[in-house]
Amino acid sequence: GVGGLLICSASSEQDALVARADVVL
């Protein structure tokens, strides 16, 4: 029930967080 927001600081070197993120920057 805790509100959550996941942000990925994306790069060409690592994309593992992209699919998990709510916001991709």
PDBML (XML) file of the C-alpha atoms, coordinates in Angstrom:
<?xml version="1.0" encoding="UTF-8" ?>
<PDBx:datablock datablockName="MODEL"
   xmlns:PDBx="http://pdbml.pdb.org/schema/pdbx-v50.xsd"
   xmlns:xsi="http://www.w3.org/2001/XMLSchema-instance"
   xsi:schemaLocation="http://pdbml.pdb.org/schema/pdbx-v50.xsd pdbx-v50.xsd">
   <PDBx:atom_siteCategory>
      <PDBx:atom_site id="1">
         <PDBx:B_iso_or_equiv>0.00</PDBx:B_iso_or_equiv>
         <PDBx:Cartn_x>0.000</PDBx:Cartn_x>
         <PDBx:Cartn_y>0.000</PDBx:Cartn_y>
         <PDBx:Cartn_z>0.000</PDBx:Cartn_z>
         <PDBx:auth_asym_id>A</PDBx:auth_asym_id>
         <PDBx:auth_atom_id>CA</PDBx:auth_atom_id>
         <PDBx:auth_comp_id>GLY</PDBx:auth_comp_id>
         <PDBx:auth_seq_id>1</PDBx:auth_seq_id>
         <PDBx:group_PDB>ATOM</PDBx:group_PDB>
         <PDBx:label_alt_id xsi:nil="true" />
         <PDBx:label_asym_id>A</PDBx:label_asym_id>
         <PDBx:label_atom_id>CA</PDBx:label_atom_id>
         <PDBx:label_comp_id>GLY</PDBx:label_comp_id>
         <PDBx:label_entity_id>1</PDBx:label_entity_id>
         <PDBx:label_seq_id>1</PDBx:label_seq_id>
         <PDBx:occupancy>1.00</PDBx:occupancy>
         <PDBx:pdbx_PDB_model_num>1</PDBx:pdbx_PDB_model_num>
         <PDBx:type_symbol>C</PDBx:type_symbol>
      </PDBx:atom_site>
      <PDBx:atom_site id="2">
         <PDBx:B_iso_or_equiv>0.00</PDBx:B_iso_or_equiv>
         <PDBx:Cartn_x>2.987</PDBx:Cartn_x>
         <PDBx:Cartn_y>2.369</PDBx:Cartn_y>
         <PDBx:Cartn_z>-0.002</PDBx:Cartn_z>
         <PDBx:auth_asym_id>A</PDBx:auth_asym_id>
         <PDBx:auth_atom_id>CA</PDBx:auth_atom_id>
         <PDBx:auth_comp_id>VAL</PDBx:auth_comp_id>
         <PDBx:auth_seq_id>2</PDBx:auth_seq_id>
         <PDBx:group_PDB>ATOM</PDBx:group_PDB>
         <PDBx:label_alt_id xsi:nil="true" />
         <PDBx:label_asym_id>A</PDBx:label_asym_id>
         <PDBx:label_atom_id>CA</PDBx:label_atom_id>
         <PDBx:label_comp_id>VAL</PDBx:label_comp_id>
         <PDBx:label_entity_id>1</PDBx:label_entity_id>
         <PDBx:label_seq_id>2</PDBx:label_seq_id>
         <PDBx:occupancy>1.00</PDBx:occupancy>
         <PDBx:pdbx_PDB_model_num>1</PDBx:pdbx_PDB_model_num>
         <PDBx:type_symbol>C</PDBx:type_symbol>
      </PDBx:atom_site>
      <PDBx:atom_site id="3">
         <PDBx:B_iso_or_equiv>0.00</PDBx:B_iso_or_equiv>
         <PDBx:Cartn_x>3.006</PDBx:Cartn_x>
         <PDBx:Cartn_y>4.540</PDBx:Cartn_y>
         <PDBx:Cartn_z>-3.111</PDBx:Cartn_z>
         <PDBx:auth_asym_id>A</PDBx:auth_asym_id>
         <PDBx:auth_atom_id>CA</PDBx:auth_atom_id>
         <PDBx:auth_comp_id>GLY</PDBx:auth_comp_id>
         <PDBx:auth_seq_id>3</PDBx:auth_seq_id>
         <PDBx:group_PDB>ATOM</PDBx:group_PDB>
         <PDBx:label_alt_id xsi:nil="true" />
         <PDBx:label_asym_id>A</PDBx:label_asym_id>
         <PDBx:label_atom_id>CA</PDBx:label_atom_id>
         <PDBx:label_comp_id>GLY</PDBx:label_comp_id>
         <PDBx:label_entity_id>1</PDBx:label_entity_id>
         <PDBx:label_seq_id>3</PDBx:label_seq_id>
         <PDBx:occupancy>1.00</PDBx:occupancy>
         <PDBx:pdbx_PDB_model_num>1</PDBx:pdbx_PDB_model_num>
         <PDBx:type_symbol>C</PDBx:type_symbol>
      </PDBx:atom_site>
      <PDBx:atom_site id="4">
         <PDBx:B_iso_or_equiv>0.00</PDBx:B_iso_or_equiv>
         <PDBx:Cartn_x>6.089</PDBx:Cartn_x>
         <PDBx:Cartn_y>3.945</PDBx:Cartn_y>
         <PDBx:Cartn_z>-5.233</PDBx:Cartn_z>
         <PDBx:auth_asym_id>A</PDBx:auth_asym_id>
         <PDBx:auth_atom_id>CA</PDBx:auth_atom_id>
         <PDBx:auth_comp_id>GLY</PDBx:auth_comp_id>
         <PDBx:auth_seq_id>4</PDBx:auth_seq_id>
         <PDBx:group_PDB>ATOM</PDBx:group_PDB>
         <PDBx:label_alt_id xsi:nil="true" />
         <PDBx:label_asym_id>A</PDBx:label_asym_id>
         <PDBx:label_atom_id>CA</PDBx:label_atom_id>
         <PDBx:label_comp_id>GLY</PDBx:label_comp_id>
         <PDBx:label_entity_id>1</PDBx:label_entity_id>
         <PDBx:label_seq_id>4</PDBx:label_seq_id>
         <PDBx:occupancy>1.00</PDBx:occupancy>
         <PDBx:pdbx_PDB_model_num>1</PDBx:pdbx_PDB_model_num>
         <PDBx:type_symbol>C</PDBx:type_symbol>
      </PDBx:atom_site>
      <PDBx:atom_site id="5">
         <PDBx:B_iso_or_equiv>0.00</PDBx:B_iso_or_equiv>
         <PDBx:Cartn_x>7.807</PDBx:Cartn_x>
         <PDBx:Cartn_y>5.527</PDBx:Cartn_y>
         <PDBx:Cartn_z>-8.204</PDBx:Cartn_z>
         <PDBx:auth_asym_id>A</PDBx:auth_asym_id>
         <PDBx:auth_atom_id>CA</PDBx:auth_atom_id>
         <PDBx:auth_comp_id>LEU</PDBx:auth_comp_id>
         <PDBx:auth_seq_id>5</PDBx:auth_seq_id>
         <PDBx:group_PDB>ATOM</PDBx:group_PDB>
         <PDBx:label_alt_id xsi:nil="true" />
         <PDBx:label_asym_id>A</PDBx:label_asym_id>
         <PDBx:label_atom_id>CA</PDBx:label_atom_id>
         <PDBx:label_comp_id>LEU</PDBx:label_comp_id>
         <PDBx:label_entity_id>1</PDBx:label_entity_id>
         <PDBx:label_seq_id>5</PDBx:label_seq_id>
         <PDBx:occupancy>1.00</PDBx:occupancy>
         <PDBx:pdbx_PDB_model_num>1</PDBx:pdbx_PDB_model_num>
         <PDBx:type_symbol>C</PDBx:type_symbol>
      </PDBx:atom_site>
      <PDBx:atom_site id="6">
         <PDBx:B_iso_or_equiv>0.00</PDBx:B_iso_or_equiv>
         <PDBx:Cartn_x>10.869</PDBx:Cartn_x>
         <PDBx:Cartn_y>3.997</PDBx:Cartn_y>
         <PDBx:Cartn_z>-9.892</PDBx:Cartn_z>
         <PDBx:auth_asym_id>A</PDBx:auth_asym_id>
         <PDBx:auth_atom_id>CA</PDBx:auth_atom_id>
         <PDBx:auth_comp_id>LEU</PDBx:auth_comp_id>
         <PDBx:auth_seq_id>6</PDBx:auth_seq_id>
         <PDBx:group_PDB>ATOM</PDBx:group_PDB>
         <PDBx:label_alt_id xsi:nil="true" />
         <PDBx:label_asym_id>A</PDBx:label_asym_id>
         <PDBx:label_atom_id>CA</PDBx:label_atom_id>
         <PDBx:label_comp_id>LEU</PDBx:label_comp_id>
         <PDBx:label_entity_id>1</PDBx:label_entity_id>
         <PDBx:label_seq_id>6</PDBx:label_seq_id>
         <PDBx:occupancy>1.00</PDBx:occupancy>
         <PDBx:pdbx_PDB_model_num>1</PDBx:pdbx_PDB_model_num>
         <PDBx:type_symbol>C</PDBx:type_symbol>
      </PDBx:atom_site>
      <PDBx:atom_site id="7">
         <PDBx:B_iso_or_equiv>0.00</PDBx:B_iso_or_equiv>
         <PDBx:Cartn_x>13.113</PDBx:Cartn_x>
         <PDBx:Cartn_y>6.158</PDBx:Cartn_y>
         <PDBx:Cartn_z>-12.056</PDBx:Cartn_z>
         <PDBx:auth_asym_id>A</PDBx:auth_asym_id>
         <PDBx:auth_atom_id>CA</PDBx:auth_atom_id>
         <PDBx:auth_comp_id>ILE</PDBx:auth_comp_id>
         <PDBx:auth_seq_id>7</PDBx:auth_seq_id>
         <PDBx:group_PDB>ATOM</PDBx:group_PDB>
         <PDBx:label_alt_id xsi:nil="true" />
         <PDBx:label_asym_id>A</PDBx:label_asym_id>
         <PDBx:label_atom_id>CA</PDBx:label_atom_id>
         <PDBx:label_comp_id>ILE</PDBx:label_comp_id>
         <PDBx:label_entity_id>1</PDBx:label_entity_id>
         <PDBx:label_seq_id>7</PDBx:label_seq_id>
         <PDBx:occupancy>1.00</PDBx:occupancy>
         <PDBx:pdbx_PDB_model_num>1</PDBx:pdbx_PDB_model_num>
         <PDBx:type_symbol>C</PDBx:type_symbol>
      </PDBx:atom_site>
      <PDBx:atom_site id="8">
         <PDBx:B_iso_or_equiv>0.00</PDBx:B_iso_or_equiv>
         <PDBx:Cartn_x>15.811</PDBx:Cartn_x>
         <PDBx:Cartn_y>4.871</PDBx:Cartn_y>
         <PDBx:Cartn_z>-14.389</PDBx:Cartn_z>
         <PDBx:auth_asym_id>A</PDBx:auth_asym_id>
         <PDBx:auth_atom_id>CA</PDBx:auth_atom_id>
         <PDBx:auth_comp_id>CYS</PDBx:auth_comp_id>
         <PDBx:auth_seq_id>8</PDBx:auth_seq_id>
         <PDBx:group_PDB>ATOM</PDBx:group_PDB>
         <PDBx:label_alt_id xsi:nil="true" />
         <PDBx:label_asym_id>A</PDBx:label_asym_id>
         <PDBx:label_atom_id>CA</PDBx:label_atom_id>
         <PDBx:label_comp_id>CYS</PDBx:label_comp_id>
         <PDBx:label_entity_id>1</PDBx:label_entity_id>
         <PDBx:label_seq_id>8</PDBx:label_seq_id>
         <PDBx:occupancy>1.00</PDBx:occupancy>
         <PDBx:pdbx_PDB_model_num>1</PDBx:pdbx_PDB_model_num>
         <PDBx:type_symbol>C</PDBx:type_symbol>
      </PDBx:atom_site>
      <PDBx:atom_site id="9">
         <PDBx:B_iso_or_equiv>0.00</PDBx:B_iso_or_equiv>
         <PDBx:Cartn_x>18.684</PDBx:Cartn_x>
         <PDBx:Cartn_y>7.151</PDBx:Cartn_y>
         <PDBx:Cartn_z>-15.330</PDBx:Cartn_z>
         <PDBx:auth_asym_id>A</PDBx:auth_asym_id>
         <PDBx:auth_atom_id>CA</PDBx:auth_atom_id>
         <PDBx:auth_comp_id>SER</PDBx:auth_comp_id>
         <PDBx:auth_seq_id>9</PDBx:auth_seq_id>
         <PDBx:group_PDB>ATOM</PDBx:group_PDB>
         <PDBx:label_alt_id xsi:nil="true" />
         <PDBx:label_asym_id>A</PDBx:label_asym_id>
         <PDBx:label_atom_id>CA</PDBx:label_atom_id>
         <PDBx:label_comp_id>SER</PDBx:label_comp_id>
         <PDBx:label_entity_id>1</PDBx:label_entity_id>
         <PDBx:label_seq_id>9</PDBx:label_seq_id>
         <PDBx:occupancy>1.00</PDBx:occupancy>
         <PDBx:pdbx_PDB_model_num>1</PDBx:pdbx_PDB_model_num>
         <PDBx:type_symbol>C</PDBx:type_symbol>
      </PDBx:atom_site>
      <PDBx:atom_site id="10">
         <PDBx:B_iso_or_equiv>0.00</PDBx:B_iso_or_equiv>
         <PDBx:Cartn_x>19.273</PDBx:Cartn_x>
         <PDBx:Cartn_y>5.403</PDBx:Cartn_y>
         <PDBx:Cartn_z>-18.650</PDBx:Cartn_z>
         <PDBx:auth_asym_id>A</PDBx:auth_asym_id>
         <PDBx:auth_atom_id>CA</PDBx:auth_atom_id>
         <PDBx:auth_comp_id>ALA</PDBx:auth_comp_id>
         <PDBx:auth_seq_id>10</PDBx:auth_seq_id>
         <PDBx:group_PDB>ATOM</PDBx:group_PDB>
         <PDBx:label_alt_id xsi:nil="true" />
         <PDBx:label_asym_id>A</PDBx:label_asym_id>
         <PDBx:label_atom_id>CA</PDBx:label_atom_id>
         <PDBx:label_comp_id>ALA</PDBx:label_comp_id>
         <PDBx:label_entity_id>1</PDBx:label_entity_id>
         <PDBx:label_seq_id>10</PDBx:label_seq_id>
         <PDBx:occupancy>1.00</PDBx:occupancy>
         <PDBx:pdbx_PDB_model_num>1</PDBx:pdbx_PDB_model_num>
         <PDBx:type_symbol>C</PDBx:type_symbol>
      </PDBx:atom_site>
      <PDBx:atom_site id="11">
         <PDBx:B_iso_or_equiv>0.00</PDBx:B_iso_or_equiv>
         <PDBx:Cartn_x>22.477</PDBx:Cartn_x>
         <PDBx:Cartn_y>4.975</PDBx:Cartn_y>
         <PDBx:Cartn_z>-20.627</PDBx:Cartn_z>
         <PDBx:auth_asym_id>A</PDBx:auth_asym_id>
         <PDBx:auth_atom_id>CA</PDBx:auth_atom_id>
         <PDBx:auth_comp_id>SER</PDBx:auth_comp_id>
         <PDBx:auth_seq_id>11</PDBx:auth_seq_id>
         <PDBx:group_PDB>ATOM</PDBx:group_PDB>
         <PDBx:label_alt_id xsi:nil="true" />
         <PDBx:label_asym_id>A</PDBx:label_asym_id>
         <PDBx:label_atom_id>CA</PDBx:label_atom_id>
         <PDBx:label_comp_id>SER</PDBx:label_comp_id>
         <PDBx:label_entity_id>1</PDBx:label_entity_id>
         <PDBx:label_seq_id>11</PDBx:label_seq_id>
         <PDBx:occupancy>1.00</PDBx:occupancy>
         <PDBx:pdbx_PDB_model_num>1</PDBx:pdbx_PDB_model_num>
         <PDBx:type_symbol>C</PDBx:type_symbol>
      </PDBx:atom_site>
      <PDBx:atom_site id="12">
         <PDBx:B_iso_or_equiv>0.00</PDBx:B_iso_or_equiv>
         <PDBx:Cartn_x>23.735</PDBx:Cartn_x>
         <PDBx:Cartn_y>3.079</PDBx:Cartn_y>
         <PDBx:Cartn_z>-23.645</PDBx:Cartn_z>
         <PDBx:auth_asym_id>A</PDBx:auth_asym_id>
         <PDBx:auth_atom_id>CA</PDBx:auth_atom_id>
         <PDBx:auth_comp_id>SER</PDBx:auth_comp_id>
         <PDBx:auth_seq_id>12</PDBx:auth_seq_id>
         <PDBx:group_PDB>ATOM</PDBx:group_PDB>
         <PDBx:label_alt_id xsi:nil="true" />
         <PDBx:label_asym_id>A</PDBx:label_asym_id>
         <PDBx:label_atom_id>CA</PDBx:label_atom_id>
         <PDBx:label_comp_id>SER</PDBx:label_comp_id>
         <PDBx:label_entity_id>1</PDBx:label_entity_id>
         <PDBx:label_seq_id>12</PDBx:label_seq_id>
         <PDBx:occupancy>1.00</PDBx:occupancy>
         <PDBx:pdbx_PDB_model_num>1</PDBx:pdbx_PDB_model_num>
         <PDBx:type_symbol>C</PDBx:type_symbol>
      </PDBx:atom_site>
      <PDBx:atom_site id="13">
         <PDBx:B_iso_or_equiv>0.00</PDBx:B_iso_or_equiv>
         <PDBx:Cartn_x>25.847</PDBx:Cartn_x>
         <PDBx:Cartn_y>0.928</PDBx:Cartn_y>
         <PDBx:Cartn_z>-21.300</PDBx:Cartn_z>
         <PDBx:auth_asym_id>A</PDBx:auth_asym_id>
         <PDBx:auth_atom_id>CA</PDBx:auth_atom_id>
         <PDBx:auth_comp_id>GLU</PDBx:auth_comp_id>
         <PDBx:auth_seq_id>13</PDBx:auth_seq_id>
         <PDBx:group_PDB>ATOM</PDBx:group_PDB>
         <PDBx:label_alt_id xsi:nil="true" />
         <PDBx:label_asym_id>A</PDBx:label_asym_id>
         <PDBx:label_atom_id>CA</PDBx:label_atom_id>
         <PDBx:label_comp_id>GLU</PDBx:label_comp_id>
         <PDBx:label_entity_id>1</PDBx:label_entity_id>
         <PDBx:label_seq_id>13</PDBx:label_seq_id>
         <PDBx:occupancy>1.00</PDBx:occupancy>
         <PDBx:pdbx_PDB_model_num>1</PDBx:pdbx_PDB_model_num>
         <PDBx:type_symbol>C</PDBx:type_symbol>
      </PDBx:atom_site>
      <PDBx:atom_site id="14">
         <PDBx:B_iso_or_equiv>0.00</PDBx:B_iso_or_equiv>
         <PDBx:Cartn_x>23.094</PDBx:Cartn_x>
         <PDBx:Cartn_y>-0.519</PDBx:Cartn_y>
         <PDBx:Cartn_z>-19.118</PDBx:Cartn_z>
         <PDBx:auth_asym_id>A</PDBx:auth_asym_id>
         <PDBx:auth_atom_id>CA</PDBx:auth_atom_id>
         <PDBx:auth_comp_id>GLN</PDBx:auth_comp_id>
         <PDBx:auth_seq_id>14</PDBx:auth_seq_id>
         <PDBx:group_PDB>ATOM</PDBx:group_PDB>
         <PDBx:label_alt_id xsi:nil="true" />
         <PDBx:label_asym_id>A</PDBx:label_asym_id>
         <PDBx:label_atom_id>CA</PDBx:label_atom_id>
         <PDBx:label_comp_id>GLN</PDBx:label_comp_id>
         <PDBx:label_entity_id>1</PDBx:label_entity_id>
         <PDBx:label_seq_id>14</PDBx:label_seq_id>
         <PDBx:occupancy>1.00</PDBx:occupancy>
         <PDBx:pdbx_PDB_model_num>1</PDBx:pdbx_PDB_model_num>
         <PDBx:type_symbol>C</PDBx:type_symbol>
      </PDBx:atom_site>
      <PDBx:atom_site id="15">
         <PDBx:B_iso_or_equiv>0.00</PDBx:B_iso_or_equiv>
         <PDBx:Cartn_x>19.405</PDBx:Cartn_x>
         <PDBx:Cartn_y>-1.094</PDBx:Cartn_y>
         <PDBx:Cartn_z>-19.774</PDBx:Cartn_z>
         <PDBx:auth_asym_id>A</PDBx:auth_asym_id>
         <PDBx:auth_atom_id>CA</PDBx:auth_atom_id>
         <PDBx:auth_comp_id>ASP</PDBx:auth_comp_id>
         <PDBx:auth_seq_id>15</PDBx:auth_seq_id>
         <PDBx:group_PDB>ATOM</PDBx:group_PDB>
         <PDBx:label_alt_id xsi:nil="true" />
         <PDBx:label_asym_id>A</PDBx:label_asym_id>
         <PDBx:label_atom_id>CA</PDBx:label_atom_id>
         <PDBx:label_comp_id>ASP</PDBx:label_comp_id>
         <PDBx:label_entity_id>1</PDBx:label_entity_id>
         <PDBx:label_seq_id>15</PDBx:label_seq_id>
         <PDBx:occupancy>1.00</PDBx:occupancy>
         <PDBx:pdbx_PDB_model_num>1</PDBx:pdbx_PDB_model_num>
         <PDBx:type_symbol>C</PDBx:type_symbol>
      </PDBx:atom_site>
      <PDBx:atom_site id="16">
         <PDBx:B_iso_or_equiv>0.00</PDBx:B_iso_or_equiv>
         <PDBx:Cartn_x>18.529</PDBx:Cartn_x>
         <PDBx:Cartn_y>-3.563</PDBx:Cartn_y>
         <PDBx:Cartn_z>-17.013</PDBx:Cartn_z>
         <PDBx:auth_asym_id>A</PDBx:auth_asym_id>
         <PDBx:auth_atom_id>CA</PDBx:auth_atom_id>
         <PDBx:auth_comp_id>ALA</PDBx:auth_comp_id>
         <PDBx:auth_seq_id>16</PDBx:auth_seq_id>
         <PDBx:group_PDB>ATOM</PDBx:group_PDB>
         <PDBx:label_alt_id xsi:nil="true" />
         <PDBx:label_asym_id>A</PDBx:label_asym_id>
         <PDBx:label_atom_id>CA</PDBx:label_atom_id>
         <PDBx:label_comp_id>ALA</PDBx:label_comp_id>
         <PDBx:label_entity_id>1</PDBx:label_entity_id>
         <PDBx:label_seq_id>16</PDBx:label_seq_id>
         <PDBx:occupancy>1.00</PDBx:occupancy>
         <PDBx:pdbx_PDB_model_num>1</PDBx:pdbx_PDB_model_num>
         <PDBx:type_symbol>C</PDBx:type_symbol>
      </PDBx:atom_site>
      <PDBx:atom_site id="17">
         <PDBx:B_iso_or_equiv>0.00</PDBx:B_iso_or_equiv>
         <PDBx:Cartn_x>16.384</PDBx:Cartn_x>
         <PDBx:Cartn_y>-1.006</PDBx:Cartn_y>
         <PDBx:Cartn_z>-15.164</PDBx:Cartn_z>
         <PDBx:auth_asym_id>A</PDBx:auth_asym_id>
         <PDBx:auth_atom_id>CA</PDBx:auth_atom_id>
         <PDBx:auth_comp_id>LEU</PDBx:auth_comp_id>
         <PDBx:auth_seq_id>17</PDBx:auth_seq_id>
         <PDBx:group_PDB>ATOM</PDBx:group_PDB>
         <PDBx:label_alt_id xsi:nil="true" />
         <PDBx:label_asym_id>A</PDBx:label_asym_id>
         <PDBx:label_atom_id>CA</PDBx:label_atom_id>
         <PDBx:label_comp_id>LEU</PDBx:label_comp_id>
         <PDBx:label_entity_id>1</PDBx:label_entity_id>
         <PDBx:label_seq_id>17</PDBx:label_seq_id>
         <PDBx:occupancy>1.00</PDBx:occupancy>
         <PDBx:pdbx_PDB_model_num>1</PDBx:pdbx_PDB_model_num>
         <PDBx:type_symbol>C</PDBx:type_symbol>
      </PDBx:atom_site>
      <PDBx:atom_site id="18">
         <PDBx:B_iso_or_equiv>0.00</PDBx:B_iso_or_equiv>
         <PDBx:Cartn_x>14.489</PDBx:Cartn_x>
         <PDBx:Cartn_y>0.351</PDBx:Cartn_y>
         <PDBx:Cartn_z>-18.161</PDBx:Cartn_z>
         <PDBx:auth_asym_id>A</PDBx:auth_asym_id>
         <PDBx:auth_atom_id>CA</PDBx:auth_atom_id>
         <PDBx:auth_comp_id>VAL</PDBx:auth_comp_id>
         <PDBx:auth_seq_id>18</PDBx:auth_seq_id>
         <PDBx:group_PDB>ATOM</PDBx:group_PDB>
         <PDBx:label_alt_id xsi:nil="true" />
         <PDBx:label_asym_id>A</PDBx:label_asym_id>
         <PDBx:label_atom_id>CA</PDBx:label_atom_id>
         <PDBx:label_comp_id>VAL</PDBx:label_comp_id>
         <PDBx:label_entity_id>1</PDBx:label_entity_id>
         <PDBx:label_seq_id>18</PDBx:label_seq_id>
         <PDBx:occupancy>1.00</PDBx:occupancy>
         <PDBx:pdbx_PDB_model_num>1</PDBx:pdbx_PDB_model_num>
         <PDBx:type_symbol>C</PDBx:type_symbol>
      </PDBx:atom_site>
      <PDBx:atom_site id="19">
         <PDBx:B_iso_or_equiv>0.00</PDBx:B_iso_or_equiv>
         <PDBx:Cartn_x>11.748</PDBx:Cartn_x>
         <PDBx:Cartn_y>-2.285</PDBx:Cartn_y>
         <PDBx:Cartn_z>-18.224</PDBx:Cartn_z>
         <PDBx:auth_asym_id>A</PDBx:auth_asym_id>
         <PDBx:auth_atom_id>CA</PDBx:auth_atom_id>
         <PDBx:auth_comp_id>ALA</PDBx:auth_comp_id>
         <PDBx:auth_seq_id>19</PDBx:auth_seq_id>
         <PDBx:group_PDB>ATOM</PDBx:group_PDB>
         <PDBx:label_alt_id xsi:nil="true" />
         <PDBx:label_asym_id>A</PDBx:label_asym_id>
         <PDBx:label_atom_id>CA</PDBx:label_atom_id>
         <PDBx:label_comp_id>ALA</PDBx:label_comp_id>
         <PDBx:label_entity_id>1</PDBx:label_entity_id>
         <PDBx:label_seq_id>19</PDBx:label_seq_id>
         <PDBx:occupancy>1.00</PDBx:occupancy>
         <PDBx:pdbx_PDB_model_num>1</PDBx:pdbx_PDB_model_num>
         <PDBx:type_symbol>C</PDBx:type_symbol>
      </PDBx:atom_site>
      <PDBx:atom_site id="20">
         <PDBx:B_iso_or_equiv>0.00</PDBx:B_iso_or_equiv>
         <PDBx:Cartn_x>11.298</PDBx:Cartn_x>
         <PDBx:Cartn_y>-1.995</PDBx:Cartn_y>
         <PDBx:Cartn_z>-14.446</PDBx:Cartn_z>
         <PDBx:auth_asym_id>A</PDBx:auth_asym_id>
         <PDBx:auth_atom_id>CA</PDBx:auth_atom_id>
         <PDBx:auth_comp_id>ARG</PDBx:auth_comp_id>
         <PDBx:auth_seq_id>20</PDBx:auth_seq_id>
         <PDBx:group_PDB>ATOM</PDBx:group_PDB>
         <PDBx:label_alt_id xsi:nil="true" />
         <PDBx:label_asym_id>A</PDBx:label_asym_id>
         <PDBx:label_atom_id>CA</PDBx:label_atom_id>
         <PDBx:label_comp_id>ARG</PDBx:label_comp_id>
         <PDBx:label_entity_id>1</PDBx:label_entity_id>
         <PDBx:label_seq_id>20</PDBx:label_seq_id>
         <PDBx:occupancy>1.00</PDBx:occupancy>
         <PDBx:pdbx_PDB_model_num>1</PDBx:pdbx_PDB_model_num>
         <PDBx:type_symbol>C</PDBx:type_symbol>
      </PDBx:atom_site>
      <PDBx:atom_site id="21">
         <PDBx:B_iso_or_equiv>0.00</PDBx:B_iso_or_equiv>
         <PDBx:Cartn_x>11.057</PDBx:Cartn_x>
         <PDBx:Cartn_y>1.786</PDBx:Cartn_y>
         <PDBx:Cartn_z>-14.307</PDBx:Cartn_z>
         <PDBx:auth_asym_id>A</PDBx:auth_asym_id>
         <PDBx:auth_atom_id>CA</PDBx:auth_atom_id>
         <PDBx:auth_comp_id>ALA</PDBx:auth_comp_id>
         <PDBx:auth_seq_id>21</PDBx:auth_seq_id>
         <PDBx:group_PDB>ATOM</PDBx:group_PDB>
         <PDBx:label_alt_id xsi:nil="true" />
         <PDBx:label_asym_id>A</PDBx:label_asym_id>
         <PDBx:label_atom_id>CA</PDBx:label_atom_id>
         <PDBx:label_comp_id>ALA</PDBx:label_comp_id>
         <PDBx:label_entity_id>1</PDBx:label_entity_id>
         <PDBx:label_seq_id>21</PDBx:label_seq_id>
         <PDBx:occupancy>1.00</PDBx:occupancy>
         <PDBx:pdbx_PDB_model_num>1</PDBx:pdbx_PDB_model_num>
         <PDBx:type_symbol>C</PDBx:type_symbol>
      </PDBx:atom_site>
      <PDBx:atom_site id="22">
         <PDBx:B_iso_or_equiv>0.00</PDBx:B_iso_or_equiv>
         <PDBx:Cartn_x>7.966</PDBx:Cartn_x>
         <PDBx:Cartn_y>3.985</PDBx:Cartn_y>
         <PDBx:Cartn_z>-14.252</PDBx:Cartn_z>
         <PDBx:auth_asym_id>A</PDBx:auth_asym_id>
         <PDBx:auth_atom_id>CA</PDBx:auth_atom_id>
         <PDBx:auth_comp_id>ASP</PDBx:auth_comp_id>
         <PDBx:auth_seq_id>22</PDBx:auth_seq_id>
         <PDBx:group_PDB>ATOM</PDBx:group_PDB>
         <PDBx:label_alt_id xsi:nil="true" />
         <PDBx:label_asym_id>A</PDBx:label_asym_id>
         <PDBx:label_atom_id>CA</PDBx:label_atom_id>
         <PDBx:label_comp_id>ASP</PDBx:label_comp_id>
         <PDBx:label_entity_id>1</PDBx:label_entity_id>
         <PDBx:label_seq_id>22</PDBx:label_seq_id>
         <PDBx:occupancy>1.00</PDBx:occupancy>
         <PDBx:pdbx_PDB_model_num>1</PDBx:pdbx_PDB_model_num>
         <PDBx:type_symbol>C</PDBx:type_symbol>
      </PDBx:atom_site>
      <PDBx:atom_site id="23">
         <PDBx:B_iso_or_equiv>0.00</PDBx:B_iso_or_equiv>
         <PDBx:Cartn_x>9.989</PDBx:Cartn_x>
         <PDBx:Cartn_y>6.912</PDBx:Cartn_y>
         <PDBx:Cartn_z>-15.616</PDBx:Cartn_z>
         <PDBx:auth_asym_id>A</PDBx:auth_asym_id>
         <PDBx:auth_atom_id>CA</PDBx:auth_atom_id>
         <PDBx:auth_comp_id>VAL</PDBx:auth_comp_id>
         <PDBx:auth_seq_id>23</PDBx:auth_seq_id>
         <PDBx:group_PDB>ATOM</PDBx:group_PDB>
         <PDBx:label_alt_id xsi:nil="true" />
         <PDBx:label_asym_id>A</PDBx:label_asym_id>
         <PDBx:label_atom_id>CA</PDBx:label_atom_id>
         <PDBx:label_comp_id>VAL</PDBx:label_comp_id>
         <PDBx:label_entity_id>1</PDBx:label_entity_id>
         <PDBx:label_seq_id>23</PDBx:label_seq_id>
         <PDBx:occupancy>1.00</PDBx:occupancy>
         <PDBx:pdbx_PDB_model_num>1</PDBx:pdbx_PDB_model_num>
         <PDBx:type_symbol>C</PDBx:type_symbol>
      </PDBx:atom_site>
      <PDBx:atom_site id="24">
         <PDBx:B_iso_or_equiv>0.00</PDBx:B_iso_or_equiv>
         <PDBx:Cartn_x>13.017</PDBx:Cartn_x>
         <PDBx:Cartn_y>6.617</PDBx:Cartn_y>
         <PDBx:Cartn_z>-17.914</PDBx:Cartn_z>
         <PDBx:auth_asym_id>A</PDBx:auth_asym_id>
         <PDBx:auth_atom_id>CA</PDBx:auth_atom_id>
         <PDBx:auth_comp_id>VAL</PDBx:auth_comp_id>
         <PDBx:auth_seq_id>24</PDBx:auth_seq_id>
         <PDBx:group_PDB>ATOM</PDBx:group_PDB>
         <PDBx:label_alt_id xsi:nil="true" />
         <PDBx:label_asym_id>A</PDBx:label_asym_id>
         <PDBx:label_atom_id>CA</PDBx:label_atom_id>
         <PDBx:label_comp_id>VAL</PDBx:label_comp_id>
         <PDBx:label_entity_id>1</PDBx:label_entity_id>
         <PDBx:label_seq_id>24</PDBx:label_seq_id>
         <PDBx:occupancy>1.00</PDBx:occupancy>
         <PDBx:pdbx_PDB_model_num>1</PDBx:pdbx_PDB_model_num>
         <PDBx:type_symbol>C</PDBx:type_symbol>
      </PDBx:atom_site>
      <PDBx:atom_site id="25">
         <PDBx:B_iso_or_equiv>0.00</PDBx:B_iso_or_equiv>
         <PDBx:Cartn_x>15.326</PDBx:Cartn_x>
         <PDBx:Cartn_y>9.640</PDBx:Cartn_y>
         <PDBx:Cartn_z>-18.126</PDBx:Cartn_z>
         <PDBx:auth_asym_id>A</PDBx:auth_asym_id>
         <PDBx:auth_atom_id>CA</PDBx:auth_atom_id>
         <PDBx:auth_comp_id>LEU</PDBx:auth_comp_id>
         <PDBx:auth_seq_id>25</PDBx:auth_seq_id>
         <PDBx:group_PDB>ATOM</PDBx:group_PDB>
         <PDBx:label_alt_id xsi:nil="true" />
         <PDBx:label_asym_id>A</PDBx:label_asym_id>
         <PDBx:label_atom_id>CA</PDBx:label_atom_id>
         <PDBx:label_comp_id>LEU</PDBx:label_comp_id>
         <PDBx:label_entity_id>1</PDBx:label_entity_id>
         <PDBx:label_seq_id>25</PDBx:label_seq_id>
         <PDBx:occupancy>1.00</PDBx:occupancy>
         <PDBx:pdbx_PDB_model_num>1</PDBx:pdbx_PDB_model_num>
         <PDBx:type_symbol>C</PDBx:type_symbol>
      </PDBx:atom_site>
   </PDBx:atom_siteCategory>
</PDBx:datablock>
